[in-house]
Protein backbone atom coordinates (compact mmCIF):
# COMPACT_ATOMS: atom_id res chain seq x y z
CA PHE A 1 -0.62 -0.15 -0.44
CA LYS A 2 0.54 3.34 -0.39
CA GLY A 3 2.62 4.93 2.56
CA PHE A 4 3.08 8.40 4.01
CA LEU A 5 6.64 9.93 3.34
CA PHE A 6 8.81 10.92 7.28
CA PRO A 7 11.64 12.62 5.45
CA LYS A 8 12.86 14.33 8.17
CA VAL A 9 14.09 13.65 12.10
CA GLY A 10 13.25 17.09 13.41
CA VAL A 11 13.10 19.58 16.97
CA PHE A 12 10.63 17.24 18.68
CA PHE A 13 12.88 13.91 18.15
CA ASN A 14 16.16 15.47 19.08
CA LYS A 15 14.86 17.45 21.65
CA PHE A 16 13.58 15.00 23.81
CA PHE A 17 16.59 12.64 22.16
CA ASN A 18 19.20 15.19 23.99
CA GLU A 19 17.53 16.62 26.47
CA ASN A 20 14.87 14.46 27.80
CA LEU A 21 16.48 10.59 27.35
CA LYS A 22 17.80 10.03 30.47
CA PHE A 23 19.74 6.72 29.48
CA GLU A 24 21.55 5.33 26.55
CA LEU A 25 19.34 2.96 24.01
CA THR A 26 20.84 -0.51 23.54
CA ASN A 27 21.86 -1.64 20.53
CA ALA A 28 18.48 -3.78 19.83
CA GLN A 29 16.80 -0.97 20.43
CA LYS A 30 18.78 1.51 18.15
CA ARG A 31 17.93 -1.32 15.36
CA VAL A 32 15.04 -0.97 15.47
CA VAL A 33 14.72 2.51 15.18
CA LYS A 34 16.98 2.21 12.17
CA GLN A 35 14.33 0.22 11.04
CA ILE A 36 11.44 2.12 11.27
CA ARG A 37 13.09 5.33 9.65
CA LYS A 38 13.78 2.99 6.72
CA ASP A 39 10.30 2.20 6.47
CA PHE A 40 9.22 5.51 6.95
CA SER A 41 11.23 6.84 4.33
CA ASN A 42 9.87 4.31 1.59
CA ASN A 43 6.87 5.68 -0.08
CA THR A 44 5.10 2.55 1.02
CA GLN A 45 2.82 1.70 4.26
CA MET A 46 4.76 0.35 7.11
CA ASN A 47 3.43 -2.44 9.18
CA ARG A 48 6.16 -4.09 11.66
CA LEU A 49 5.39 -6.31 14.54
CA LEU A 50 7.92 -5.19 17.40
CA GLN A 51 8.98 -7.93 19.75
CA GLY A 52 10.74 -7.53 23.04
CA ASP A 53 10.36 -8.80 26.89
CA VAL A 54 8.33 -6.82 29.31
CA GLY A 55 11.30 -4.38 30.28
CA SER A 56 12.81 -3.72 26.96
CA GLY A 57 12.41 -0.71 25.95
CA LYS A 58 9.43 -1.36 23.28
CA THR A 59 7.33 2.18 24.26
CA ILE A 60 10.51 4.33 24.11
CA VAL A 61 11.05 2.98 20.35
CA ALA A 62 7.24 3.76 19.72
CA LEU A 63 7.18 7.05 21.42
CA LEU A 64 10.64 8.48 19.56
CA SER A 65 8.64 6.67 16.03
CA ALA A 66 5.81 9.17 17.01
CA LEU A 67 7.70 12.03 17.70
CA ILE A 68 9.37 11.42 13.73
CA ALA A 69 5.78 11.55 12.67
CA ILE A 70 4.74 14.42 14.54
CA ASP A 71 8.23 16.47 13.15
CA ASN A 72 7.02 15.46 9.53
CA GLY A 73 3.03 17.34 10.78
CA PHE A 74 1.29 14.39 11.43
CA GLN A 75 -0.13 12.85 14.81
CA ALA A 76 0.03 9.85 15.99
CA CYS A 77 -2.14 7.50 18.34
CA LEU A 78 -1.27 4.50 20.53
CA VAL A 79 -4.07 2.09 20.94
CA ALA A 80 -3.67 -0.29 24.37
CA PRO A 81 -6.06 -3.66 25.14
CA THR A 82 -7.03 -2.22 28.65
CA GLU A 83 -7.92 1.13 30.85
CA ILE A 84 -5.10 0.60 33.13
CA LEU A 85 -2.66 0.11 30.98
CA ALA A 86 -3.91 3.38 28.95
CA GLN A 87 -3.56 5.21 32.12
CA GLN A 88 -0.39 3.53 32.54
CA HIS A 89 1.02 4.88 29.03
CA PHE A 90 -0.72 8.27 28.97
CA SER A 91 1.08 8.72 32.44
CA SER A 92 4.62 8.18 31.32
CA ILE A 93 4.67 9.89 28.12
CA SER A 94 3.16 12.96 29.49
CA GLU A 95 5.73 12.74 32.09
CA ALA A 96 8.53 12.23 28.64
CA LEU A 97 7.17 14.61 26.98
CA ASN A 98 6.64 17.05 30.12
CA ASN A 99 9.17 19.95 28.27
CA LEU A 100 8.01 19.74 24.50
CA SER A 101 5.32 21.85 23.66
CA LEU A 102 3.23 18.64 22.14
CA GLN A 103 -0.60 17.52 23.67
CA VAL A 104 -1.10 14.30 24.48
CA LYS A 105 -5.01 13.41 25.77
CA ILE A 106 -6.90 9.86 26.47
CA SER A 107 -9.66 8.37 25.37
CA THR A 108 -11.32 5.60 27.49
CA GLY A 109 -15.00 4.17 27.91
CA SER A 110 -14.90 5.87 31.26
CA SER A 111 -13.66 9.59 30.08
CA LYS A 112 -16.58 11.91 30.59
CA ASN A 113 -18.28 13.21 27.66
CA LYS A 114 -18.16 16.54 27.60
CA ASP A 115 -13.82 16.25 27.79
CA ARG A 116 -14.29 13.25 24.99
CA LEU A 117 -16.41 16.21 23.10
CA ILE A 118 -13.58 18.70 23.76
CA MET A 119 -11.12 15.87 22.48
CA PHE A 120 -12.77 14.91 18.92
CA GLU A 121 -12.67 18.71 18.23
CA GLU A 122 -8.54 19.35 18.98
CA LEU A 123 -8.00 15.93 17.48
CA LYS A 124 -9.85 17.05 14.04
CA LYS A 125 -8.29 20.55 14.14
CA GLY A 126 -4.47 18.69 14.36
CA THR A 127 -3.89 20.31 18.42
CA VAL A 128 -3.38 17.07 19.34
CA ASN A 129 -0.32 15.59 18.69
CA ILE A 130 -0.73 12.04 20.39
CA LEU A 131 -3.84 10.47 21.15
CA ILE A 132 -3.68 7.29 23.83
CA GLY A 133 -7.16 5.15 24.16
CA THR A 134 -8.61 1.72 24.84
CA HIS A 135 -10.73 0.29 21.93
CA ALA A 136 -12.73 3.53 22.34
CA VAL A 137 -9.88 4.93 19.88
CA PHE A 138 -11.74 2.82 17.40
CA GLU A 139 -14.83 4.65 17.17
CA ASP A 140 -16.10 6.66 14.27
CA LYS A 141 -16.56 9.65 16.36
CA VAL A 142 -12.91 9.70 16.43
CA VAL A 143 -11.17 11.64 13.55
CA PHE A 144 -7.96 13.12 13.16
CA LYS A 145 -6.74 15.76 11.11
CA ASN A 146 -3.41 13.96 10.16
CA LEU A 147 -3.44 10.41 11.59
CA GLY A 148 0.05 9.25 10.42
CA LEU A 149 1.44 6.63 13.05
CA ALA A 150 -0.69 4.18 14.82
CA ILE A 151 1.13 2.26 17.50
CA ILE A 152 -1.03 -1.26 18.84
CA ASP A 153 0.70 -2.10 22.34
CA GLU A 154 -0.47 -5.90 23.12
CA GLN A 155 -1.20 -7.00 19.89
CA HIS A 156 -2.53 -10.45 20.40
CA ARG A 157 -5.38 -8.84 22.19
CA PHE A 158 -6.92 -7.16 19.00
CA GLY A 159 -8.22 -8.83 16.06
CA VAL A 160 -7.27 -8.01 12.21
CA ALA A 161 -10.36 -6.12 12.02
CA GLN A 162 -9.79 -3.60 14.79
CA ARG A 163 -6.63 -3.12 13.31
CA SER A 164 -7.97 -2.86 9.97
CA LYS A 165 -10.36 -0.01 11.82
CA LEU A 166 -7.42 2.59 11.68
CA TRP A 167 -6.35 2.42 8.22
CA LYS A 168 -9.27 4.23 7.44
CA LYS A 169 -8.65 7.09 10.05
CA ASN A 170 -6.65 8.77 7.23
CA LEU A 171 -7.03 8.70 3.08
CA ILE A 172 -3.95 6.95 2.92
CA PRO A 173 -3.44 4.50 5.53
CA PRO A 174 -1.33 5.50 8.14
CA HIS A 175 1.82 3.90 9.06
CA VAL A 176 0.99 0.90 11.74
CA LEU A 177 3.62 -0.60 14.62
CA VAL A 178 2.03 -2.91 16.97
CA MET A 179 3.76 -4.62 19.50
CA THR A 180 3.94 -7.44 22.05
CA ALA A 181 5.68 -9.30 24.75
CA THR A 182 4.29 -12.93 23.97
CA PRO A 183 7.41 -14.26 22.44
CA ILE A 184 6.46 -16.00 18.79
CA PRO A 185 8.29 -18.38 17.52
CA ARG A 186 9.47 -16.43 13.71
CA THR A 187 7.66 -19.70 11.61
CA LEU A 188 4.60 -18.95 13.93
CA ALA A 189 5.11 -15.19 13.12
CA MET A 190 5.17 -15.61 9.49
CA SER A 191 1.94 -17.87 9.37
CA VAL A 192 0.21 -15.21 11.96
CA TYR A 193 1.49 -11.72 10.94
CA GLY A 194 2.16 -12.75 7.64
CA ASP A 195 1.86 -9.67 6.64
CA LEU A 196 3.98 -7.52 8.99
CA ASP A 197 7.56 -6.91 9.26
CA ILE A 198 9.11 -8.46 12.46
CA SER A 199 11.31 -6.46 14.53
CA VAL A 200 12.70 -7.79 18.00
CA ILE A 201 14.34 -6.18 21.02
CA ASP A 202 16.64 -8.60 22.19
CA GLU A 203 18.13 -7.09 24.88
CA LEU A 204 17.19 -5.68 28.02
CA PRO A 205 18.73 -2.34 29.26
CA PRO A 206 21.55 -2.08 31.67
CA GLY A 207 20.94 -3.03 35.39
CA ARG A 208 17.17 -4.54 34.48
CA ILE A 209 15.98 -7.41 36.78
CA PRO A 210 15.35 -10.35 34.58
CA VAL A 211 11.97 -11.25 33.98
CA LYS A 212 10.72 -14.55 35.72
CA THR A 213 8.17 -17.30 34.98
CA VAL A 214 7.81 -19.43 37.25
CA LYS A 215 4.88 -21.90 38.16
CA ARG A 216 3.22 -22.99 41.67
CA THR A 217 0.67 -24.97 42.45
CA ASP A 218 -2.26 -24.28 45.33
CA LYS A 219 -1.35 -27.55 46.94
CA ASN A 220 0.57 -25.89 49.36
CA ARG A 221 -1.25 -22.05 49.64
CA LEU A 222 0.80 -21.01 52.61
CA GLY A 223 4.08 -21.23 50.39
CA VAL A 224 2.09 -19.39 47.82
CA PHE A 225 1.19 -16.75 50.06
CA LYS A 226 4.68 -16.65 50.92
CA PHE A 227 6.24 -16.85 47.39
CA ILE A 228 4.14 -13.74 46.42
CA ARG A 229 5.15 -11.71 49.63
């Protein structure tokens, strides 16, 4: 499909990268950002799956991608499967962009109707740069002035039909970046997500505690409670 061209890395990306980013990107994050920038420099729509463990830094990669879209005159949105996760993204991204003149808004099922109506108008005018939300973002009422990048967190919680709704939010479909922390073998990924290019963040930032997956039975409940504590 034809896609938008994002030829430049501009003021917002550079200011965030040089002043707000408090840590060095891992080599894996740098590699994925380069892959995304290459997609943006082509005249075709990006459809990329980003895999990485919890804590590997997928959200920062997504935010840097959103800033490139904004630097080129477009809006970005991030869709999460639950309100809690959407609120977490809204809080962390708002804090990360606190000294940049960008407007970040949130839309969920529990958003007040008055706030939603104001947000709808601001979105159409283009004064909202990044919209974060749940399935509520898929609603027909949510109209962007110029959506250039759609990011979907926890991709496996959404269907292909839902993802395609974001394609219709602009005359030319926006670039799409879907993220998952669920490890997917490459052969399976090619079968299930054959329409997507695949990027993997395969290293954790320095100092991060490795994620452990464990199994406990309820035969010894006191032992389970002790483990949780």
